[in-house]
Amino acid sequence: MDAYELITRNVSEVVTEDEVRALAEDPDGKRAYVGYEPSGVLHIGHMLTANKLIELQEAGFEVVVLLADVHAYLNGKGTFEEIRETATRMQEQFVAYGLEESQTEFVLGSEFQLDEEYVLDLHALELETSLSRASRAMAEIAGGDTATVAQAVYPLMQALDIVYLDVDLAIGGMEQRKVHMLARDTLPSIDADSPTCLHTPLIADLTSGVGKMSSSEGLSISMEDTESDIEEKVNKAYCPPTADPEPTDEGEDRENPVLQIFEYHVFPRFGEVVVDRPEQYGGDLHYESYADLEADLESGELHPADAKGALATYLNRLIEPGREKIREQRSD
C-alpha cells in the first residue's frame, strides 16, 4: 500500500485529492491533527479518528492531538479545572490505545487560544462570518437544541486552531465537514492557507443501524466497557446478513454497524480476522481483508451470530490496554 492509499484508507471524503497527494509524496515533517473535547473516557468515535492518526504516523506524519479545553468550556462541559483534569486522563488513554507517544504532540487549547494575537485573529474571522453560517457549521456538533453565542464562536476557533497549531492536514468525522469548509472559506481572509482535510465515516447506531452512534444516546462502546459489556452490546447490535440493509418503514437509511466496526476499527488495527466456529459448522474462518468477510456475510457462509462473536473478541483486544489504563487512573 502506497502512502496515498494509507492516508486515505477508510475515509469518506478527501479535500482535496490533489492536496493530499502532494502531502503523500513528501510526508516527512508534515503535521496532522484532530481536536477532541475532553470528555472522560475514549469511545468508539474517538477511536475511529485515532485509527487514522495511527495510520498517518505509519505514513510518516507528526501527529498533533488538541485537547480542546476551551471548546469544552464553551460547550458547557464543566469548569476549566474539571476539564483539564479530564484532558490529562484522556491523553494517557490515547497512548494506551496505540498512538506513538514519541510522534504525538498533545496540546491544550488554553495554551494558545487565550493569547492576544489569537483573540484578535478570531475577531477578524467573526467579521467575515455570518451568524447563520457559523450556526450551521456547529449544528452537528452542539449539544442541545438552543444555539448560544459561544457555539457560534466555536467553529471559528476550530478554523483558527489549524493555523496556530501549524498543521498541514485536518482530520475529523463527517460531522466536522461544515466546520472545515468554513475554515477553507474564511482563513484566506486573515492571509492563512485553506486547510487540507480528511473526513472519516460515522458509525451507525448500534441497535438500529440508523443515524449516528452516540455516547449520550442509545448504545455505544467505550474504553470503560468490560469484556462482558462488549459481548452484551455486540450481541444486541443490528446485523442483517448484508452490507446494504433495506431502509426503515419510515424511509430512513440504514447501515450495518457490525460490518462498519470490522471495516473501520478491526481490520485497520489487526489486518487479519479469525472467526472461531465448531468443526460441525465448517470450522474457523480466516479473513485477510474486510471485503472477503463482507462477501461471506452476503453469501451466507458467515452467519451474523458468528460475526458478532468475532467482533466482540477483537473489540475486547482493542480496548483492553485503555481499559487497564482507566483502572489505574481510578485507583490513583
Protein backbone atom coordinates (compact mmCIF):
# COMPACT_ATOMS: atom_id res chain seq x y z
CA MET A 1 0.00 0.00 0.00
CA ASP A 2 1.50 3.34 -1.03
CA ALA A 3 1.43 6.45 1.16
CA TYR A 4 -1.64 7.98 -0.51
CA GLU A 5 -3.63 4.76 -0.13
CA LEU A 6 -2.66 4.50 3.54
CA ILE A 7 -3.51 8.15 4.23
CA THR A 8 -6.93 7.89 2.55
CA ARG A 9 -7.89 4.34 3.57
CA ASN A 10 -11.38 4.21 5.07
CA VAL A 11 -12.09 7.92 4.73
CA SER A 12 -15.40 9.26 3.45
CA GLU A 13 -14.05 12.43 1.90
CA VAL A 14 -10.73 13.94 0.81
CA VAL A 15 -10.50 17.74 0.45
CA THR A 16 -8.81 17.94 -1.94
CA GLU A 17 -7.34 14.89 -3.65
CA ASP A 18 -4.54 16.89 -5.27
CA GLU A 19 -3.57 18.46 -1.95
CA VAL A 20 -3.47 15.10 -0.18
CA ARG A 21 -1.43 13.54 -3.00
CA ALA A 22 1.11 16.33 -2.62
CA LEU A 23 1.37 15.60 1.12
CA ALA A 24 1.69 11.87 0.45
CA GLU A 25 4.64 12.46 -1.89
CA ASP A 26 6.63 14.13 0.89
CA PRO A 27 5.15 13.38 4.36
CA ASP A 28 8.41 13.98 6.23
CA GLY A 29 7.88 16.79 8.75
CA LYS A 30 4.21 17.18 7.84
CA ARG A 31 1.75 17.57 10.70
CA ALA A 32 -1.80 16.22 11.02
CA TYR A 33 -4.24 16.97 13.79
CA VAL A 34 -7.55 16.08 15.41
CA GLY A 35 -9.23 18.10 18.13
CA TYR A 36 -11.17 16.40 20.91
CA GLU A 37 -13.25 17.90 23.67
CA PRO A 38 -12.03 16.28 26.91
CA SER A 39 -14.97 14.08 27.86
CA GLY A 40 -13.62 11.50 30.30
CA VAL A 41 -13.38 8.18 28.52
CA LEU A 42 -12.50 7.38 24.91
CA HIS A 43 -15.44 5.98 22.99
CA ILE A 44 -15.71 4.42 19.56
CA GLY A 45 -15.93 7.82 17.84
CA HIS A 46 -12.61 8.95 19.34
CA MET A 47 -11.11 5.60 18.38
CA LEU A 48 -12.08 5.91 14.71
CA THR A 49 -10.19 9.16 14.16
CA ALA A 50 -7.38 7.85 16.38
CA ASN A 51 -7.07 4.88 13.99
CA LYS A 52 -6.49 7.36 11.18
CA LEU A 53 -3.87 9.21 13.25
CA ILE A 54 -2.07 5.90 13.85
CA GLU A 55 -2.04 5.26 10.08
CA LEU A 56 -0.75 8.78 9.45
CA GLN A 57 2.09 8.10 11.88
CA GLU A 58 2.88 4.97 9.87
CA ALA A 59 2.93 7.15 6.74
CA GLY A 60 5.50 9.46 8.35
CA PHE A 61 3.36 12.31 9.68
CA GLU A 62 3.80 14.01 13.01
CA VAL A 63 0.50 13.98 14.87
CA VAL A 64 -1.00 16.75 16.99
CA VAL A 65 -3.88 15.98 19.35
CA LEU A 66 -5.67 19.11 20.52
CA LEU A 67 -7.29 18.53 23.89
CA ALA A 68 -9.78 21.31 23.42
CA ASP A 69 -10.43 22.56 26.95
CA VAL A 70 -11.67 25.99 25.87
CA HIS A 71 -14.02 24.42 23.32
CA ALA A 72 -15.34 22.06 26.00
CA TYR A 73 -15.96 25.02 28.30
CA LEU A 74 -17.85 26.86 25.55
CA ASN A 75 -19.93 23.71 25.01
CA GLY A 76 -20.90 23.56 28.69
CA LYS A 77 -18.78 20.55 29.70
CA GLY A 78 -17.71 21.82 33.14
CA THR A 79 -15.23 24.13 34.83
CA PHE A 80 -11.74 24.61 33.44
CA GLU A 81 -10.30 22.70 36.39
CA GLU A 82 -12.59 19.73 35.75
CA ILE A 83 -11.98 19.78 32.00
CA ARG A 84 -8.18 19.95 32.33
CA GLU A 85 -8.15 17.02 34.75
CA THR A 86 -10.16 15.06 32.20
CA ALA A 87 -7.76 16.08 29.42
CA THR A 88 -4.79 14.61 31.29
CA ARG A 89 -6.56 11.29 31.66
CA MET A 90 -7.63 11.22 28.02
CA GLN A 91 -4.05 11.84 26.88
CA GLU A 92 -2.96 8.71 28.76
CA GLN A 93 -5.81 6.73 27.21
CA PHE A 94 -4.85 7.76 23.67
CA VAL A 95 -1.31 6.50 24.21
CA ALA A 96 -2.66 3.26 25.69
CA TYR A 97 -4.90 2.87 22.64
CA GLY A 98 -1.94 2.92 20.27
CA LEU A 99 -0.79 6.42 19.36
CA GLU A 100 3.02 6.50 19.28
CA GLU A 101 3.87 8.88 22.12
CA SER A 102 7.18 9.99 20.59
CA GLN A 103 5.37 11.06 17.39
CA THR A 104 2.41 12.71 19.12
CA GLU A 105 2.19 16.25 20.44
CA PHE A 106 -0.64 16.79 22.92
CA VAL A 107 -1.73 20.43 23.23
CA LEU A 108 -4.31 22.08 25.49
CA GLY A 109 -6.31 24.71 23.65
CA SER A 110 -5.84 27.16 26.51
CA GLU A 111 -2.09 27.11 25.86
CA PHE A 112 -2.64 29.45 22.88
CA GLN A 113 -6.34 30.27 22.47
CA LEU A 114 -6.32 32.95 25.19
CA ASP A 115 -3.33 34.84 23.75
CA GLU A 116 -3.95 38.35 22.37
CA GLU A 117 -2.85 37.52 18.82
CA TYR A 118 -5.20 34.53 18.63
CA VAL A 119 -8.12 36.53 20.03
CA LEU A 120 -7.60 39.35 17.54
CA ASP A 121 -7.45 36.88 14.64
CA LEU A 122 -10.63 35.29 15.98
CA HIS A 123 -12.36 38.66 15.95
CA ALA A 124 -11.19 39.14 12.36
CA LEU A 125 -12.85 35.85 11.37
CA GLU A 126 -16.01 36.89 13.21
CA LEU A 127 -16.17 39.98 10.99
CA GLU A 128 -16.03 37.74 7.90
CA THR A 129 -18.67 35.21 9.00
CA SER A 130 -22.44 35.47 9.27
CA LEU A 131 -24.14 34.16 12.39
CA SER A 132 -26.21 31.75 10.31
CA ARG A 133 -23.11 30.28 8.61
CA ALA A 134 -21.38 29.73 11.96
CA SER A 135 -24.51 28.18 13.46
CA ARG A 136 -24.90 25.79 10.52
CA ALA A 137 -21.29 24.70 10.88
CA MET A 138 -21.87 23.94 14.55
CA ALA A 139 -25.25 22.25 14.18
CA GLU A 140 -23.99 18.66 14.11
CA ILE A 141 -21.57 19.19 17.00
CA ALA A 142 -23.54 21.24 19.54
CA GLY A 143 -25.36 19.55 22.37
CA GLY A 144 -28.97 20.58 22.93
CA ASP A 145 -31.39 22.45 20.70
CA THR A 146 -30.63 26.05 21.60
CA ALA A 147 -27.66 27.68 19.88
CA THR A 148 -25.64 30.04 22.04
CA VAL A 149 -23.23 32.80 21.08
CA ALA A 150 -20.43 30.56 22.37
CA GLN A 151 -21.44 27.85 19.92
CA ALA A 152 -21.28 30.32 17.04
CA VAL A 153 -17.71 31.23 18.01
CA TYR A 154 -16.73 27.57 18.50
CA PRO A 155 -16.35 26.64 14.77
CA LEU A 156 -14.36 29.79 14.06
CA MET A 157 -11.94 28.77 16.81
CA GLN A 158 -11.65 25.34 15.19
CA ALA A 159 -10.72 27.03 11.93
CA LEU A 160 -8.13 29.22 13.64
CA ASP A 161 -6.66 26.28 15.57
CA ILE A 162 -5.47 24.82 12.27
CA VAL A 163 -3.35 27.94 11.72
CA TYR A 164 -1.96 28.25 15.24
CA LEU A 165 -1.09 24.55 15.51
CA ASP A 166 0.80 24.86 12.19
CA VAL A 167 -0.70 21.68 10.78
CA ASP A 168 -0.82 20.51 7.18
CA LEU A 169 -3.79 18.17 7.45
CA ALA A 170 -7.01 18.44 9.50
CA ILE A 171 -8.83 15.20 10.40
CA GLY A 172 -12.39 14.87 11.62
CA GLY A 173 -15.54 12.81 11.35
CA MET A 174 -18.10 13.74 8.71
CA GLU A 175 -19.89 15.84 11.35
CA GLN A 176 -16.88 18.19 11.15
CA ARG A 177 -17.21 18.74 7.41
CA LYS A 178 -19.09 22.05 7.62
CA VAL A 179 -16.54 23.40 10.09
CA HIS A 180 -13.67 22.51 7.77
CA MET A 181 -15.44 24.05 4.77
CA LEU A 182 -15.94 27.19 6.84
CA ALA A 183 -12.20 27.15 7.58
CA ARG A 184 -11.34 26.77 3.89
CA ASP A 185 -13.57 29.73 3.02
CA THR A 186 -12.62 32.13 5.83
CA LEU A 187 -8.93 31.57 6.67
CA PRO A 188 -7.64 33.28 3.49
CA SER A 189 -9.26 36.50 4.83
CA ILE A 190 -6.51 36.60 7.50
CA ASP A 191 -3.81 35.60 4.98
CA ALA A 192 -3.80 31.96 6.07
CA ASP A 193 -3.96 28.93 3.77
CA SER A 194 -7.12 26.91 3.32
CA PRO A 195 -6.66 23.60 5.17
CA THR A 196 -6.39 20.18 3.57
CA CYS A 197 -8.92 17.84 5.20
CA LEU A 198 -9.79 14.18 5.63
CA HIS A 199 -13.21 13.16 6.91
CA THR A 200 -13.79 9.75 8.47
CA PRO A 201 -17.12 7.87 8.38
CA LEU A 202 -19.69 7.86 11.16
CA ILE A 203 -20.62 4.53 12.75
CA ALA A 204 -24.37 3.92 12.67
CA ASP A 205 -26.48 3.49 15.80
CA LEU A 206 -25.59 0.07 17.15
CA THR A 207 -29.11 -1.23 17.72
CA SER A 208 -30.97 0.24 14.74
CA GLY A 209 -28.37 0.97 12.04
CA VAL A 210 -29.99 4.40 11.64
CA GLY A 211 -28.17 7.68 12.15
CA LYS A 212 -25.01 8.03 14.23
CA MET A 213 -23.85 6.00 17.21
CA SER A 214 -23.81 8.37 20.18
CA SER A 215 -22.19 8.11 23.59
CA SER A 216 -25.00 10.26 25.02
CA GLU A 217 -27.92 8.45 23.41
CA GLY A 218 -28.60 4.78 22.81
CA LEU A 219 -25.94 2.07 22.91
CA SER A 220 -22.26 2.93 22.43
CA ILE A 221 -18.90 1.28 23.05
CA SER A 222 -16.17 2.87 25.15
CA MET A 223 -12.88 2.03 26.83
CA GLU A 224 -14.54 1.57 30.21
CA ASP A 225 -16.67 -1.33 28.94
CA THR A 226 -15.82 -4.70 30.44
CA GLU A 227 -15.45 -7.80 28.29
CA SER A 228 -18.99 -8.86 29.25
CA ASP A 229 -20.28 -5.34 28.46
CA ILE A 230 -18.84 -5.57 24.98
CA GLU A 231 -20.26 -9.03 24.38
CA GLU A 232 -23.70 -7.91 25.54
CA LYS A 233 -23.67 -4.76 23.41
CA VAL A 234 -22.43 -6.53 20.28
CA ASN A 235 -24.98 -9.32 20.72
CA LYS A 236 -27.73 -6.68 20.74
CA ALA A 237 -26.33 -4.99 17.63
CA TYR A 238 -28.27 -4.72 14.39
CA CYS A 239 -26.60 -7.07 11.92
CA PRO A 240 -28.64 -8.25 8.92
CA PRO A 241 -26.85 -10.63 6.54
CA THR A 242 -25.97 -7.79 4.17
CA ALA A 243 -23.81 -4.69 3.96
CA ASP A 244 -26.68 -2.76 2.36
CA PRO A 245 -29.78 -3.13 4.57
CA GLU A 246 -33.26 -2.08 3.48
CA PRO A 247 -34.44 1.34 4.70
CA THR A 248 -36.79 1.50 7.67
CA ASP A 249 -40.54 1.62 7.16
CA GLU A 250 -40.24 5.41 7.55
CA GLY A 251 -37.71 5.56 4.70
CA GLU A 252 -34.63 6.16 6.87
CA ASP A 253 -31.34 4.84 5.51
CA ARG A 254 -29.69 2.03 7.43
CA GLU A 255 -26.13 0.76 7.74
CA ASN A 256 -24.80 -2.49 9.20
CA PRO A 257 -22.84 -1.24 12.27
CA VAL A 258 -21.21 -4.63 12.90
CA LEU A 259 -19.67 -4.57 9.43
CA GLN A 260 -18.71 -0.90 9.85
CA ILE A 261 -16.79 -1.67 13.03
CA PHE A 262 -14.98 -4.54 11.32
CA GLU A 263 -14.07 -2.26 8.40
CA TYR A 264 -13.06 0.89 10.28
CA HIS A 265 -11.78 -0.47 13.60
CA VAL A 266 -10.78 -4.13 13.45
CA PHE A 267 -9.09 -4.61 10.08
CA PRO A 268 -7.02 -1.39 10.25
CA ARG A 269 -5.56 -2.47 13.59
CA PHE A 270 -5.28 -6.25 13.21
CA GLY A 271 -5.05 -6.85 9.46
CA GLU A 272 -6.45 -10.37 9.77
CA VAL A 273 -9.56 -11.76 11.45
CA VAL A 274 -10.25 -15.31 12.54
CA VAL A 275 -13.87 -16.30 13.22
CA ASP A 276 -14.00 -19.24 15.59
CA ARG A 277 -16.56 -21.88 14.60
CA PRO A 278 -17.06 -25.50 15.69
CA GLU A 279 -15.99 -28.12 13.16
CA GLN A 280 -19.61 -29.25 12.81
CA TYR A 281 -20.41 -25.82 11.33
CA GLY A 282 -17.44 -25.78 8.97
CA GLY A 283 -14.58 -24.81 11.30
CA ASP A 284 -12.80 -21.50 11.67
CA LEU A 285 -12.93 -18.82 9.00
CA HIS A 286 -9.84 -16.73 8.20
CA TYR A 287 -10.04 -13.30 6.60
CA GLU A 288 -7.16 -11.16 5.38
CA SER A 289 -9.41 -8.39 4.09
CA TYR A 290 -12.66 -6.75 5.08
CA ALA A 291 -14.06 -7.32 1.57
CA ASP A 292 -13.79 -11.10 2.00
CA LEU A 293 -15.61 -11.01 5.34
CA GLU A 294 -18.38 -8.86 3.90
CA ALA A 295 -18.73 -11.20 0.90
CA ASP A 296 -19.09 -14.23 3.17
CA LEU A 297 -21.79 -12.50 5.21
CA GLU A 298 -23.65 -11.67 2.00
CA SER A 299 -23.39 -15.24 0.70
CA GLY A 300 -24.46 -16.84 3.98
CA GLU A 301 -21.10 -18.53 4.59
CA LEU A 302 -20.64 -16.28 7.64
CA HIS A 303 -23.62 -16.18 9.99
CA PRO A 304 -24.36 -12.83 11.72
CA ALA A 305 -24.08 -14.52 15.13
CA ASP A 306 -20.57 -15.78 14.33
CA ALA A 307 -19.62 -12.32 13.01
CA LYS A 308 -20.80 -10.79 16.28
CA GLY A 309 -18.82 -13.28 18.34
CA ALA A 310 -15.63 -12.46 16.45
CA LEU A 311 -16.30 -8.72 16.66
CA ALA A 312 -16.67 -8.87 20.44
CA THR A 313 -13.36 -10.74 20.71
CA TYR A 314 -11.42 -8.23 18.61
CA LEU A 315 -13.04 -5.18 20.19
CA ASN A 316 -12.07 -6.52 23.60
CA ARG A 317 -8.45 -6.91 22.47
CA LEU A 318 -8.51 -3.41 21.01
CA ILE A 319 -9.91 -1.81 24.15
CA GLU A 320 -8.10 -3.79 26.86
CA PRO A 321 -4.93 -1.61 27.09
CA GLY A 322 -7.06 1.51 27.51
CA ARG A 323 -9.38 -0.23 29.95
CA GLU A 324 -6.35 -1.13 32.08
CA LYS A 325 -5.19 2.50 31.95
CA ILE A 326 -8.61 3.65 33.19
CA ARG A 327 -8.40 1.17 36.08
CA GLU A 328 -5.03 2.65 37.03
CA GLN A 329 -6.38 6.20 36.80
CA ARG A 330 -9.34 5.43 39.04
CA SER A 331 -7.15 3.75 41.64
CA ASP A 332 -4.89 6.82 41.94
